[in-house]
Amino acid sequence: MVTTGDMTQKVTHPMAKLQRQVQKLVDSKLLKPTDSIWKIALLYGDDWTFWKQELLAYDFTMQDPVSELLLVESWDDED
């Protein structure tokens, strides 16, 4: 287990969870890194509205490639 000096951060950021799920989809060849983010909608169905709003809040567009989502190293909301 990797620990950081900040023990208050116990909950994984929702976007980090989405990122891991998308990475699994790429690994299993259901998505390609070059696919547009909007293709995630086909796999998330009813949950897509929530995820789309989250992605837009982080300045992603639905035309961005999935690889851009996978490149994010930190989803911290703090400045």
N, C-alpha and C. Protein backbone atom coordinates (compact mmCIF):
# COMPACT_ATOMS: atom_id res chain seq x y z
N MET A 1 0.84 -1.19 0.00
CA MET A 1 0.00 0.00 0.00
C MET A 1 0.88 1.24 0.00
N VAL A 2 0.57 2.16 -0.89
CA VAL A 2 1.32 3.40 -0.95
C VAL A 2 0.60 4.42 -0.08
N THR A 3 1.35 5.07 0.77
CA THR A 3 0.75 6.10 1.61
C THR A 3 1.38 7.44 1.30
N THR A 4 0.61 8.48 1.51
CA THR A 4 1.12 9.83 1.33
C THR A 4 1.09 10.53 2.68
N GLY A 5 1.69 11.67 2.74
CA GLY A 5 1.70 12.43 3.99
C GLY A 5 0.33 12.94 4.36
N ASP A 6 -0.57 13.03 3.40
CA ASP A 6 -1.91 13.55 3.65
C ASP A 6 -2.88 12.40 3.87
N MET A 7 -3.13 12.07 5.11
CA MET A 7 -4.00 10.94 5.44
C MET A 7 -5.48 11.29 5.34
N THR A 8 -5.81 12.57 5.10
CA THR A 8 -7.21 12.96 5.01
C THR A 8 -7.82 12.57 3.67
N GLN A 9 -7.00 12.28 2.68
CA GLN A 9 -7.50 11.92 1.35
C GLN A 9 -7.70 10.42 1.28
N LYS A 10 -8.87 9.97 1.74
CA LYS A 10 -9.15 8.54 1.81
C LYS A 10 -10.05 8.08 0.67
N VAL A 11 -10.83 8.98 0.13
CA VAL A 11 -11.79 8.63 -0.91
C VAL A 11 -11.17 8.90 -2.28
N THR A 12 -11.27 7.92 -3.16
CA THR A 12 -10.76 8.09 -4.52
C THR A 12 -11.67 9.05 -5.27
N HIS A 13 -11.07 9.99 -5.97
CA HIS A 13 -11.83 10.97 -6.76
C HIS A 13 -12.66 10.23 -7.80
N PRO A 14 -13.91 10.62 -7.98
CA PRO A 14 -14.76 9.93 -8.98
C PRO A 14 -14.14 9.90 -10.37
N MET A 15 -13.45 10.95 -10.76
CA MET A 15 -12.83 10.97 -12.08
C MET A 15 -11.68 9.96 -12.17
N ALA A 16 -11.01 9.72 -11.06
CA ALA A 16 -9.94 8.71 -11.06
C ALA A 16 -10.55 7.32 -11.26
N LYS A 17 -11.73 7.11 -10.68
CA LYS A 17 -12.42 5.83 -10.88
C LYS A 17 -12.83 5.66 -12.35
N LEU A 18 -13.38 6.73 -12.93
CA LEU A 18 -13.76 6.69 -14.35
C LEU A 18 -12.52 6.42 -15.20
N GLN A 19 -11.43 7.08 -14.88
CA GLN A 19 -10.19 6.91 -15.63
C GLN A 19 -9.72 5.45 -15.58
N ARG A 20 -9.78 4.83 -14.43
CA ARG A 20 -9.38 3.43 -14.30
C ARG A 20 -10.31 2.53 -15.12
N GLN A 21 -11.62 2.82 -15.07
CA GLN A 21 -12.58 2.01 -15.84
C GLN A 21 -12.33 2.16 -17.34
N VAL A 22 -12.05 3.37 -17.78
CA VAL A 22 -11.78 3.60 -19.19
C VAL A 22 -10.48 2.91 -19.60
N GLN A 23 -9.48 2.94 -18.73
CA GLN A 23 -8.22 2.24 -19.02
C GLN A 23 -8.47 0.74 -19.20
N LYS A 24 -9.35 0.17 -18.37
CA LYS A 24 -9.68 -1.25 -18.51
C LYS A 24 -10.38 -1.52 -19.85
N LEU A 25 -11.23 -0.58 -20.27
CA LEU A 25 -11.91 -0.73 -21.56
C LEU A 25 -10.91 -0.69 -22.71
N VAL A 26 -9.91 0.18 -22.60
CA VAL A 26 -8.86 0.26 -23.62
C VAL A 26 -8.03 -1.02 -23.59
N ASP A 27 -7.67 -1.46 -22.39
CA ASP A 27 -6.86 -2.68 -22.26
C ASP A 27 -7.58 -3.90 -22.85
N SER A 28 -8.90 -3.92 -22.71
CA SER A 28 -9.68 -5.06 -23.22
C SER A 28 -10.12 -4.84 -24.67
N LYS A 29 -9.64 -3.77 -25.28
CA LYS A 29 -9.89 -3.46 -26.70
C LYS A 29 -11.33 -3.08 -27.01
N LEU A 30 -12.12 -2.73 -25.97
CA LEU A 30 -13.47 -2.23 -26.23
C LEU A 30 -13.45 -0.78 -26.69
N LEU A 31 -12.41 -0.07 -26.29
CA LEU A 31 -12.17 1.30 -26.74
C LEU A 31 -10.74 1.39 -27.23
N LYS A 32 -10.51 2.31 -28.17
CA LYS A 32 -9.16 2.59 -28.62
C LYS A 32 -8.74 3.93 -28.02
N PRO A 33 -7.45 4.12 -27.75
CA PRO A 33 -7.00 5.42 -27.23
C PRO A 33 -7.36 6.58 -28.16
N THR A 34 -7.50 6.29 -29.44
CA THR A 34 -7.83 7.34 -30.42
C THR A 34 -9.33 7.59 -30.55
N ASP A 35 -10.17 6.75 -29.92
CA ASP A 35 -11.62 6.97 -29.95
C ASP A 35 -11.97 8.27 -29.24
N SER A 36 -13.01 8.91 -29.69
CA SER A 36 -13.49 10.12 -29.03
C SER A 36 -14.15 9.77 -27.70
N ILE A 37 -14.06 10.71 -26.76
CA ILE A 37 -14.62 10.50 -25.43
C ILE A 37 -16.11 10.18 -25.49
N TRP A 38 -16.82 10.73 -26.48
CA TRP A 38 -18.27 10.49 -26.54
C TRP A 38 -18.60 9.00 -26.66
N LYS A 39 -17.66 8.19 -27.15
CA LYS A 39 -17.94 6.75 -27.27
C LYS A 39 -18.15 6.10 -25.91
N ILE A 40 -17.63 6.72 -24.86
CA ILE A 40 -17.85 6.20 -23.51
C ILE A 40 -19.34 6.17 -23.20
N ALA A 41 -20.08 7.11 -23.78
CA ALA A 41 -21.52 7.20 -23.56
C ALA A 41 -22.22 5.90 -23.95
N LEU A 42 -21.73 5.27 -25.00
CA LEU A 42 -22.35 4.03 -25.47
C LEU A 42 -22.22 2.92 -24.43
N LEU A 43 -21.21 3.01 -23.58
CA LEU A 43 -20.96 1.97 -22.59
C LEU A 43 -21.53 2.32 -21.21
N TYR A 44 -21.82 3.59 -20.97
CA TYR A 44 -22.29 4.01 -19.65
C TYR A 44 -23.78 4.27 -19.57
N GLY A 45 -24.46 4.35 -20.67
CA GLY A 45 -25.91 4.47 -20.67
C GLY A 45 -26.44 5.56 -19.76
N ASP A 46 -27.26 5.17 -18.78
CA ASP A 46 -27.94 6.12 -17.90
C ASP A 46 -26.98 6.95 -17.06
N ASP A 47 -25.79 6.45 -16.78
CA ASP A 47 -24.82 7.20 -15.98
C ASP A 47 -24.08 8.25 -16.79
N TRP A 48 -24.26 8.24 -18.10
CA TRP A 48 -23.49 9.12 -18.95
C TRP A 48 -23.72 10.59 -18.66
N THR A 49 -24.92 10.99 -18.34
CA THR A 49 -25.21 12.40 -18.08
C THR A 49 -24.30 12.95 -16.99
N PHE A 50 -24.15 12.18 -15.91
CA PHE A 50 -23.27 12.59 -14.82
C PHE A 50 -21.83 12.70 -15.29
N TRP A 51 -21.33 11.67 -15.97
CA TRP A 51 -19.94 11.65 -16.40
C TRP A 51 -19.65 12.73 -17.42
N LYS A 52 -20.60 13.00 -18.30
CA LYS A 52 -20.40 14.05 -19.30
C LYS A 52 -20.22 15.40 -18.61
N GLN A 53 -21.05 15.68 -17.62
CA GLN A 53 -20.92 16.94 -16.88
C GLN A 53 -19.57 17.04 -16.17
N GLU A 54 -19.13 15.93 -15.59
CA GLU A 54 -17.82 15.91 -14.92
C GLU A 54 -16.70 16.17 -15.92
N LEU A 55 -16.75 15.52 -17.07
CA LEU A 55 -15.72 15.71 -18.09
C LEU A 55 -15.70 17.15 -18.61
N LEU A 56 -16.88 17.71 -18.84
CA LEU A 56 -16.96 19.09 -19.31
C LEU A 56 -16.41 20.05 -18.25
N ALA A 57 -16.64 19.75 -16.98
CA ALA A 57 -16.13 20.59 -15.90
C ALA A 57 -14.60 20.61 -15.88
N TYR A 58 -13.99 19.57 -16.39
CA TYR A 58 -12.54 19.50 -16.48
C TYR A 58 -12.03 19.90 -17.86
N ASP A 59 -12.87 20.60 -18.61
CA ASP A 59 -12.52 21.17 -19.91
C ASP A 59 -12.24 20.13 -21.00
N PHE A 60 -12.80 18.95 -20.86
CA PHE A 60 -12.74 17.99 -21.95
C PHE A 60 -13.87 18.29 -22.91
N THR A 61 -13.67 17.97 -24.18
CA THR A 61 -14.78 18.01 -25.13
C THR A 61 -15.09 16.57 -25.49
N MET A 62 -16.25 16.36 -26.01
CA MET A 62 -16.65 14.99 -26.35
C MET A 62 -15.89 14.48 -27.57
N GLN A 63 -15.20 15.39 -28.29
CA GLN A 63 -14.41 14.99 -29.44
C GLN A 63 -12.96 14.67 -29.07
N ASP A 64 -12.55 14.99 -27.84
CA ASP A 64 -11.18 14.69 -27.41
C ASP A 64 -10.97 13.18 -27.44
N PRO A 65 -9.76 12.74 -27.76
CA PRO A 65 -9.49 11.30 -27.74
C PRO A 65 -9.45 10.77 -26.31
N VAL A 66 -9.83 9.52 -26.14
CA VAL A 66 -9.81 8.86 -24.84
C VAL A 66 -8.41 8.96 -24.22
N SER A 67 -7.39 8.95 -25.05
CA SER A 67 -6.01 9.02 -24.53
C SER A 67 -5.77 10.28 -23.69
N GLU A 68 -6.45 11.39 -24.01
CA GLU A 68 -6.31 12.62 -23.23
C GLU A 68 -6.82 12.41 -21.80
N LEU A 69 -7.91 11.70 -21.65
CA LEU A 69 -8.46 11.39 -20.33
C LEU A 69 -7.49 10.53 -19.54
N LEU A 70 -6.86 9.58 -20.22
CA LEU A 70 -5.95 8.66 -19.55
C LEU A 70 -4.63 9.31 -19.15
N LEU A 71 -4.30 10.46 -19.73
CA LEU A 71 -3.04 11.14 -19.42
C LEU A 71 -3.08 11.94 -18.12
N VAL A 72 -4.27 12.23 -17.61
CA VAL A 72 -4.38 13.05 -16.39
C VAL A 72 -3.75 12.31 -15.22
N GLU A 73 -2.85 13.00 -14.53
CA GLU A 73 -2.15 12.38 -13.41
C GLU A 73 -2.81 12.66 -12.07
N SER A 74 -3.54 13.77 -11.98
CA SER A 74 -4.17 14.13 -10.71
C SER A 74 -5.48 14.84 -10.97
N TRP A 75 -6.48 14.48 -10.18
CA TRP A 75 -7.81 15.09 -10.31
C TRP A 75 -8.09 16.02 -9.15
N ASP A 76 -7.06 16.52 -8.51
CA ASP A 76 -7.25 17.41 -7.36
C ASP A 76 -8.03 18.64 -7.77
N ASP A 77 -8.98 19.01 -6.91
CA ASP A 77 -9.77 20.20 -7.15
C ASP A 77 -9.12 21.42 -6.52
N GLU A 78 -8.09 21.21 -5.73
CA GLU A 78 -7.45 22.32 -5.04
C GLU A 78 -6.50 23.06 -5.96
N ASP A 79 -6.33 24.36 -5.70
CA ASP A 79 -5.41 25.18 -6.50
C ASP A 79 -4.00 25.04 -5.99
